[in-house]
Protein backbone atom coordinates (compact mmCIF):
# COMPACT_ATOMS: atom_id res chain seq x y z
CA MET A 1 98.71 105.04 95.80
CA ALA A 2 100.23 101.86 97.14
CA LYS A 3 103.35 101.39 99.25
CA PHE A 4 105.80 98.56 99.91
CA GLU A 5 108.72 98.73 102.38
CA ARG A 6 111.33 96.20 103.34
CA GLU A 7 114.59 95.90 105.32
CA PHE A 8 117.13 93.17 104.58
CA LYS A 9 120.83 92.36 104.21
CA GLY A 10 122.76 92.68 100.95
CA ASN A 11 125.07 94.74 98.79
CA ILE A 12 123.32 97.95 97.72
CA ASP A 13 125.20 98.25 94.41
CA ALA A 14 124.35 94.69 93.33
CA PHE A 15 120.79 95.12 94.56
CA LEU A 16 120.30 98.40 92.67
CA ALA A 17 121.52 96.80 89.43
CA TYR A 18 119.12 93.90 90.03
CA VAL A 19 116.18 96.27 90.63
CA ASP A 20 116.84 98.33 87.48
CA GLU A 21 117.15 95.21 85.34
CA SER A 22 114.10 93.51 86.85
CA VAL A 23 111.76 96.47 86.37
CA ILE A 24 112.87 97.12 82.78
CA LYS A 25 112.68 93.45 81.78
CA GLY A 26 109.38 93.03 83.65
CA SER A 27 107.33 95.14 81.22
CA LEU A 28 107.64 96.08 77.55
CA SER A 29 106.63 99.66 78.34
CA ALA A 30 108.73 100.16 81.51
CA SER A 31 111.37 102.87 81.60
CA ILE A 32 113.59 104.63 84.09
CA GLU A 33 112.29 108.18 84.04
CA ASP A 34 115.01 109.58 86.28
CA SER A 35 117.45 108.55 88.96
CA SER A 36 119.65 109.99 91.68
CA ASN A 37 122.52 108.52 93.66
CA PHE A 38 123.99 110.13 96.75
CA MET A 39 126.55 109.11 99.33
CA LEU A 40 126.81 110.62 102.81
CA GLU A 41 129.84 109.22 104.60
CA ASP A 42 129.17 105.45 104.59
CA VAL A 43 125.46 105.67 103.69
CA LYS A 44 124.40 105.22 100.06
CA ILE A 45 121.05 106.55 98.89
CA ALA A 46 119.52 105.77 95.51
CA VAL A 47 116.24 107.11 94.16
CA ARG A 48 114.57 105.77 91.03
CA VAL A 49 111.40 106.77 89.23
CA TYR A 50 110.11 104.06 86.91
CA GLU A 51 107.10 104.38 84.66
CA ARG A 52 105.08 101.96 82.58
CA TYR A 53 101.85 101.79 80.65
CA SER A 54 98.99 99.93 82.30
CA TYR A 55 97.00 98.06 79.67
CA ILE A 56 94.25 97.24 82.16
CA GLY A 57 93.89 100.81 83.40
CA GLN A 58 94.78 102.34 80.01
CA ASN A 59 97.06 104.91 81.60
CA ARG A 60 100.66 105.38 82.74
CA VAL A 61 101.72 104.64 86.29
CA SER A 62 104.91 105.47 88.12
CA LEU A 63 106.89 103.63 90.75
CA ASN A 64 109.11 105.73 93.00
CA VAL A 65 111.81 103.73 94.76
CA THR A 66 114.19 104.87 97.49
CA ILE A 67 116.98 102.52 98.54
CA ILE A 68 119.26 103.28 101.48
CA GLY A 69 122.27 101.15 102.28
CA LYS A 70 124.78 101.18 105.09
CA ASN A 71 127.32 98.36 105.27
CA ASP A 72 125.20 95.32 104.40
CA HIS A 73 121.90 96.75 105.69
CA ILE A 74 119.40 97.83 103.01
CA TYR A 75 116.15 99.71 103.46
CA LEU A 76 113.73 99.97 100.52
CA SER A 77 110.61 102.07 100.08
CA ALA A 78 108.52 101.80 96.90
CA ILE A 79 105.44 103.92 96.22
CA THR A 80 103.25 103.88 93.11
CA SER A 81 101.24 106.79 91.79
CA GLY A 82 99.15 107.74 88.80
CA GLY A 83 96.90 105.10 87.39
CA SER A 84 93.59 106.88 87.85
CA GLN A 85 91.42 108.54 85.27
CA ALA A 86 89.16 110.34 87.73
CA VAL A 87 89.39 114.06 88.45
CA PHE A 88 88.72 114.26 92.19
CA PHE A 89 89.39 110.77 93.58
CA LYS A 90 90.89 107.49 92.45
CA ILE A 91 88.54 105.01 90.85
CA ASN A 92 91.03 102.79 89.02
CA ARG A 93 94.03 101.42 90.88
CA PHE A 94 94.60 98.28 88.81
CA GLY A 95 97.77 99.59 87.18
CA GLU A 96 99.32 100.80 90.42
CA SER A 97 98.58 97.57 92.25
CA SER A 98 99.88 95.42 89.41
CA PHE A 99 103.12 97.43 89.08
CA LEU A 100 103.76 97.22 92.83
CA ASP A 101 102.82 93.52 93.04
CA ASN A 102 105.31 92.70 90.28
CA PHE A 103 107.98 94.83 91.95
CA GLN A 104 107.39 93.13 95.30
CA SER A 105 107.83 89.71 93.67
CA TYR A 106 111.24 90.80 92.29
CA ILE A 107 112.31 91.93 95.77
CA ASP A 108 111.05 88.76 97.45
CA LYS A 109 113.00 86.64 94.93
CA TYR A 110 116.17 88.64 95.59
CA ILE A 111 115.84 88.32 99.36
CA GLU A 112 115.10 84.57 99.15
CA ARG A 113 118.25 84.02 97.07
CA LYS A 114 120.31 85.88 99.67
CA ILE A 115 119.14 83.82 102.67
């Protein structure tokens, strides 16, 4: 399991559209497995579960993303899972790391454009 978190300024709706598009276009096998959107007063919360096939690890890995936005403040947490073929402990994290590294590059590009 690998984790990436970030806080930055932006519009949560535009950012969420960017994230969905980036992940899907970033891999031929990527898909949105499920999603949830919730609003509590002026706080928007979006949860996404993406999945893709890892050619290196020869397995499927998932990326769970939670995005919280209030006004122009955005908090993002992304956690990968899966990606191991072992029974009792993880021996192959290539797919997880690659999925998260790619995701982090999409986020960094978005933040750099906003500065």
